[in-house]
Amino acid sequence: MKTKNRVIYFINVDDLQNVADQELERELTDKEIEFIEKRLGDYIDWYGAKFSALTDLKN
């Protein structure tokens, strides 16, 4: 079994900047990145995402 602390998924600053470039047509400032970093996880249904992946595993 792999280590329990292994990261399965992550989002980096480049991922954020790509969306900002497309949606805002500009790059994010360091202050904006910090703002998003503190809140992004609150917008993701982590349980639902994991459950959906497990459901796909069964199929």
PDB file of N, CA and C in Angstrom:
ATOM      1  N   MET A   1       0.841  -1.195   0.000  1.00  0.00           N
ATOM      2  CA  MET A   1       0.000   0.000   0.000  1.00  0.00           C
ATOM      3  C   MET A   1       0.880   1.250   0.000  1.00  0.00           C
ATOM      4  N   LYS A   2       0.505   2.211  -0.814  1.00  0.00           N
ATOM      5  CA  LYS A   2       1.228   3.478  -0.868  1.00  0.00           C
ATOM      6  C   LYS A   2       1.026   4.241   0.443  1.00  0.00           C
ATOM      7  N   THR A   3       1.887   5.169   0.698  1.00  0.00           N
ATOM      8  CA  THR A   3       1.790   5.966   1.919  1.00  0.00           C
ATOM      9  C   THR A   3       0.451   6.701   1.996  1.00  0.00           C
ATOM     10  N   LYS A   4      -0.088   6.801   3.180  1.00  0.00           N
ATOM     11  CA  LYS A   4      -1.385   7.451   3.384  1.00  0.00           C
ATOM     12  C   LYS A   4      -1.329   8.955   3.165  1.00  0.00           C
ATOM     13  N   ASN A   5      -0.154   9.537   3.184  1.00  0.00           N
ATOM     14  CA  ASN A   5      -0.020  10.987   3.005  1.00  0.00           C
ATOM     15  C   ASN A   5       0.257  11.385   1.558  1.00  0.00           C
ATOM     16  N   ARG A   6       0.218  10.432   0.654  1.00  0.00           N
ATOM     17  CA  ARG A   6       0.464  10.714  -0.766  1.00  0.00           C
ATOM     18  C   ARG A   6      -0.611  11.661  -1.297  1.00  0.00           C
ATOM     19  N   VAL A   7      -0.202  12.690  -2.017  1.00  0.00           N
ATOM     20  CA  VAL A   7      -1.139  13.644  -2.605  1.00  0.00           C
ATOM     21  C   VAL A   7      -1.733  13.008  -3.856  1.00  0.00           C
ATOM     22  N   ILE A   8      -3.052  13.023  -3.942  1.00  0.00           N
ATOM     23  CA  ILE A   8      -3.751  12.441  -5.084  1.00  0.00           C
ATOM     24  C   ILE A   8      -4.029  13.496  -6.146  1.00  0.00           C
ATOM     25  N   TYR A   9      -4.370  14.685  -5.738  1.00  0.00           N
ATOM     26  CA  TYR A   9      -4.718  15.739  -6.684  1.00  0.00           C
ATOM     27  C   TYR A   9      -4.304  17.078  -6.103  1.00  0.00           C
ATOM     28  N   PHE A  10      -3.842  17.969  -6.951  1.00  0.00           N
ATOM     29  CA  PHE A  10      -3.491  19.309  -6.486  1.00  0.00           C
ATOM     30  C   PHE A  10      -3.753  20.320  -7.588  1.00  0.00           C
ATOM     31  N   ILE A  11      -3.874  21.563  -7.194  1.00  0.00           N
ATOM     32  CA  ILE A  11      -4.042  22.679  -8.116  1.00  0.00           C
ATOM     33  C   ILE A  11      -2.899  23.646  -7.838  1.00  0.00           C
ATOM     34  N   ASN A  12      -2.192  24.022  -8.886  1.00  0.00           N
ATOM     35  CA  ASN A  12      -1.071  24.935  -8.671  1.00  0.00           C
ATOM     36  C   ASN A  12      -1.398  26.336  -9.216  1.00  0.00           C
ATOM     37  N   VAL A  13      -0.478  27.261  -9.004  1.00  0.00           N
ATOM     38  CA  VAL A  13      -0.688  28.652  -9.405  1.00  0.00           C
ATOM     39  C   VAL A  13      -0.870  28.758 -10.915  1.00  0.00           C
ATOM     40  N   ASP A  14      -0.161  27.946 -11.669  1.00  0.00           N
ATOM     41  CA  ASP A  14      -0.312  27.973 -13.119  1.00  0.00           C
ATOM     42  C   ASP A  14      -1.746  27.611 -13.529  1.00  0.00           C
ATOM     43  N   ASP A  15      -2.361  26.654 -12.825  1.00  0.00           N
ATOM     44  CA  ASP A  15      -3.764  26.307 -13.086  1.00  0.00           C
ATOM     45  C   ASP A  15      -4.664  27.526 -12.868  1.00  0.00           C
ATOM     46  N   LEU A  16      -4.444  28.246 -11.764  1.00  0.00           N
ATOM     47  CA  LEU A  16      -5.227  29.450 -11.483  1.00  0.00           C
ATOM     48  C   LEU A  16      -4.995  30.523 -12.542  1.00  0.00           C
ATOM     49  N   GLN A  17      -3.732  30.715 -12.921  1.00  0.00           N
ATOM     50  CA  GLN A  17      -3.406  31.748 -13.899  1.00  0.00           C
ATOM     51  C   GLN A  17      -4.025  31.446 -15.263  1.00  0.00           C
ATOM     52  N   ASN A  18      -4.085  30.175 -15.635  1.00  0.00           N
ATOM     53  CA  ASN A  18      -4.707  29.814 -16.910  1.00  0.00           C
ATOM     54  C   ASN A  18      -6.178  30.205 -16.942  1.00  0.00           C
ATOM     55  N   VAL A  19      -6.888  29.967 -15.851  1.00  0.00           N
ATOM     56  CA  VAL A  19      -8.305  30.346 -15.787  1.00  0.00           C
ATOM     57  C   VAL A  19      -8.438  31.866 -15.766  1.00  0.00           C
ATOM     58  N   ALA A  20      -7.580  32.538 -15.010  1.00  0.00           N
ATOM     59  CA  ALA A  20      -7.622  34.007 -14.956  1.00  0.00           C
ATOM     60  C   ALA A  20      -7.353  34.605 -16.337  1.00  0.00           C
ATOM     61  N   ASP A  21      -6.401  34.034 -17.056  1.00  0.00           N
ATOM     62  CA  ASP A  21      -6.116  34.521 -18.408  1.00  0.00           C
ATOM     63  C   ASP A  21      -7.339  34.387 -19.308  1.00  0.00           C
ATOM     64  N   GLN A  22      -8.039  33.270 -19.212  1.00  0.00           N
ATOM     65  CA  GLN A  22      -9.216  33.031 -20.050  1.00  0.00           C
ATOM     66  C   GLN A  22     -10.423  33.859 -19.618  1.00  0.00           C
ATOM     67  N   GLU A  23     -10.652  33.936 -18.321  1.00  0.00           N
ATOM     68  CA  GLU A  23     -11.872  34.574 -17.815  1.00  0.00           C
ATOM     69  C   GLU A  23     -11.714  36.066 -17.526  1.00  0.00           C
ATOM     70  N   LEU A  24     -10.547  36.478 -17.059  1.00  0.00           N
ATOM     71  CA  LEU A  24     -10.321  37.880 -16.700  1.00  0.00           C
ATOM     72  C   LEU A  24      -9.433  38.601 -17.714  1.00  0.00           C
ATOM     73  N   GLU A  25      -8.817  37.808 -18.585  1.00  0.00           N
ATOM     74  CA  GLU A  25      -7.874  38.327 -19.577  1.00  0.00           C
ATOM     75  C   GLU A  25      -6.712  39.072 -18.931  1.00  0.00           C
ATOM     76  N   ARG A  26      -6.263  38.533 -17.805  1.00  0.00           N
ATOM     77  CA  ARG A  26      -5.092  39.087 -17.111  1.00  0.00           C
ATOM     78  C   ARG A  26      -4.577  38.068 -16.113  1.00  0.00           C
ATOM     79  N   GLU A  27      -3.385  38.313 -15.605  1.00  0.00           N
ATOM     80  CA  GLU A  27      -2.828  37.447 -14.571  1.00  0.00           C
ATOM     81  C   GLU A  27      -3.279  37.915 -13.197  1.00  0.00           C
ATOM     82  N   LEU A  28      -3.319  36.979 -12.267  1.00  0.00           N
ATOM     83  CA  LEU A  28      -3.659  37.294 -10.883  1.00  0.00           C
ATOM     84  C   LEU A  28      -2.447  37.892 -10.167  1.00  0.00           C
ATOM     85  N   THR A  29      -2.724  38.757  -9.219  1.00  0.00           N
ATOM     86  CA  THR A  29      -1.652  39.299  -8.378  1.00  0.00           C
ATOM     87  C   THR A  29      -1.354  38.281  -7.272  1.00  0.00           C
ATOM     88  N   ASP A  30      -0.238  38.468  -6.593  1.00  0.00           N
ATOM     89  CA  ASP A  30       0.094  37.586  -5.465  1.00  0.00           C
ATOM     90  C   ASP A  30      -0.993  37.653  -4.392  1.00  0.00           C
ATOM     91  N   LYS A  31      -1.512  38.841  -4.159  1.00  0.00           N
ATOM     92  CA  LYS A  31      -2.559  39.019  -3.150  1.00  0.00           C
ATOM     93  C   LYS A  31      -3.832  38.260  -3.552  1.00  0.00           C
ATOM     94  N   GLU A  32      -4.187  38.293  -4.827  1.00  0.00           N
ATOM     95  CA  GLU A  32      -5.367  37.563  -5.306  1.00  0.00           C
ATOM     96  C   GLU A  32      -5.162  36.048  -5.200  1.00  0.00           C
ATOM     97  N   ILE A  33      -3.952  35.598  -5.502  1.00  0.00           N
ATOM     98  CA  ILE A  33      -3.649  34.171  -5.382  1.00  0.00           C
ATOM     99  C   ILE A  33      -3.787  33.717  -3.934  1.00  0.00           C
ATOM    100  N   GLU A  34      -3.285  34.498  -3.006  1.00  0.00           N
ATOM    101  CA  GLU A  34      -3.414  34.173  -1.585  1.00  0.00           C
ATOM    102  C   GLU A  34      -4.880  34.127  -1.172  1.00  0.00           C
ATOM    103  N   PHE A  35      -5.677  35.052  -1.660  1.00  0.00           N
ATOM    104  CA  PHE A  35      -7.117  35.084  -1.380  1.00  0.00           C
ATOM    105  C   PHE A  35      -7.773  33.792  -1.858  1.00  0.00           C
ATOM    106  N   ILE A  36      -7.485  33.413  -3.104  1.00  0.00           N
ATOM    107  CA  ILE A  36      -8.067  32.202  -3.676  1.00  0.00           C
ATOM    108  C   ILE A  36      -7.566  30.958  -2.935  1.00  0.00           C
ATOM    109  N   GLU A  37      -6.301  30.943  -2.603  1.00  0.00           N
ATOM    110  CA  GLU A  37      -5.702  29.801  -1.907  1.00  0.00           C
ATOM    111  C   GLU A  37      -6.433  29.496  -0.603  1.00  0.00           C
ATOM    112  N   LYS A  38      -6.839  30.534   0.097  1.00  0.00           N
ATOM    113  CA  LYS A  38      -7.521  30.353   1.381  1.00  0.00           C
ATOM    114  C   LYS A  38      -8.954  29.866   1.210  1.00  0.00           C
ATOM    115  N   ARG A  39      -9.554  30.053   0.042  1.00  0.00           N
ATOM    116  CA  ARG A  39     -10.979  29.770  -0.132  1.00  0.00           C
ATOM    117  C   ARG A  39     -11.322  28.667  -1.121  1.00  0.00           C
ATOM    118  N   LEU A  40     -10.409  28.323  -1.996  1.00  0.00           N
ATOM    119  CA  LEU A  40     -10.722  27.406  -3.085  1.00  0.00           C
ATOM    120  C   LEU A  40     -11.301  26.076  -2.601  1.00  0.00           C
ATOM    121  N   GLY A  41     -10.725  25.518  -1.575  1.00  0.00           N
ATOM    122  CA  GLY A  41     -11.202  24.244  -1.052  1.00  0.00           C
ATOM    123  C   GLY A  41     -12.637  24.276  -0.559  1.00  0.00           C
ATOM    124  N   ASP A  42     -13.110  25.455  -0.171  1.00  0.00           N
ATOM    125  CA  ASP A  42     -14.494  25.591   0.296  1.00  0.00           C
ATOM    126  C   ASP A  42     -15.501  25.437  -0.835  1.00  0.00           C
ATOM    127  N   TYR A  43     -15.056  25.586  -2.074  1.00  0.00           N
ATOM    128  CA  TYR A  43     -15.948  25.510  -3.223  1.00  0.00           C
ATOM    129  C   TYR A  43     -15.990  24.120  -3.856  1.00  0.00           C
ATOM    130  N   ILE A  44     -15.150  23.230  -3.388  1.00  0.00           N
ATOM    131  CA  ILE A  44     -15.065  21.898  -3.983  1.00  0.00           C
ATOM    132  C   ILE A  44     -15.777  20.894  -3.087  1.00  0.00           C
ATOM    133  N   ASP A  45     -16.681  20.149  -3.685  1.00  0.00           N
ATOM    134  CA  ASP A  45     -17.375  19.078  -2.961  1.00  0.00           C
ATOM    135  C   ASP A  45     -16.446  17.864  -2.922  1.00  0.00           C
ATOM    136  N   TRP A  46     -15.530  17.881  -1.964  1.00  0.00           N
ATOM    137  CA  TRP A  46     -14.507  16.835  -1.886  1.00  0.00           C
ATOM    138  C   TRP A  46     -15.120  15.461  -1.686  1.00  0.00           C
ATOM    139  N   TYR A  47     -16.096  15.341  -0.791  1.00  0.00           N
ATOM    140  CA  TYR A  47     -16.721  14.037  -0.548  1.00  0.00           C
ATOM    141  C   TYR A  47     -17.383  13.533  -1.824  1.00  0.00           C
ATOM    142  N   GLY A  48     -18.146  14.407  -2.477  1.00  0.00           N
ATOM    143  CA  GLY A  48     -18.838  14.018  -3.700  1.00  0.00           C
ATOM    144  C   GLY A  48     -17.877  13.602  -4.804  1.00  0.00           C
ATOM    145  N   ALA A  49     -16.775  14.310  -4.935  1.00  0.00           N
ATOM    146  CA  ALA A  49     -15.779  13.973  -5.955  1.00  0.00           C
ATOM    147  C   ALA A  49     -15.176  12.593  -5.681  1.00  0.00           C
ATOM    148  N   LYS A  50     -14.849  12.339  -4.418  1.00  0.00           N
ATOM    149  CA  LYS A  50     -14.272  11.031  -4.065  1.00  0.00           C
ATOM    150  C   LYS A  50     -15.304   9.924  -4.250  1.00  0.00           C
ATOM    151  N   PHE A  51     -16.539  10.180  -3.842  1.00  0.00           N
ATOM    152  CA  PHE A  51     -17.604   9.193  -3.992  1.00  0.00           C
ATOM    153  C   PHE A  51     -17.838   8.875  -5.470  1.00  0.00           C
ATOM    154  N   SER A  52     -17.863   9.890  -6.311  1.00  0.00           N
ATOM    155  CA  SER A  52     -18.068   9.679  -7.749  1.00  0.00           C
ATOM    156  C   SER A  52     -16.950   8.827  -8.347  1.00  0.00           C
ATOM    157  N   ALA A  53     -15.718   9.098  -7.959  1.00  0.00           N
ATOM    158  CA  ALA A  53     -14.595   8.308  -8.459  1.00  0.00           C
ATOM    159  C   ALA A  53     -14.702   6.858  -7.988  1.00  0.00           C
ATOM    160  N   LEU A  54     -15.108   6.656  -6.744  1.00  0.00           N
ATOM    161  CA  LEU A  54     -15.299   5.291  -6.237  1.00  0.00           C
ATOM    162  C   LEU A  54     -16.427   4.583  -6.969  1.00  0.00           C
ATOM    163  N   THR A  55     -17.484   5.303  -7.285  1.00  0.00           N
ATOM    164  CA  THR A  55     -18.601   4.735  -8.035  1.00  0.00           C
ATOM    165  C   THR A  55     -18.135   4.316  -9.431  1.00  0.00           C
ATOM    166  N   ASP A  56     -17.315   5.156 -10.069  1.00  0.00           N
ATOM    167  CA  ASP A  56     -16.765   4.813 -11.377  1.00  0.00           C
ATOM    168  C   ASP A  56     -15.898   3.557 -11.299  1.00  0.00           C
ATOM    169  N   LEU A  57     -15.218   3.394 -10.185  1.00  0.00           N
ATOM    170  CA  LEU A  57     -14.359   2.232  -9.984  1.00  0.00           C
ATOM    171  C   LEU A  57     -15.165   0.939 -10.025  1.00  0.00           C
ATOM    172  N   LYS A  58     -16.389   0.977  -9.497  1.00  0.00           N
ATOM    173  CA  LYS A  58     -17.250  -0.198  -9.468  1.00  0.00           C
ATOM    174  C   LYS A  58     -17.761  -0.574 -10.848  1.00  0.00           C
ATOM    175  N   ASN A  59     -17.860   0.396 -11.742  1.00  0.00           N
ATOM    176  CA  ASN A  59     -18.444   0.153 -13.071  1.00  0.00           C
ATOM    177  C   ASN A  59     -17.447  -0.347 -14.076  1.00  0.00           C
TER     178      ASN A  59
END
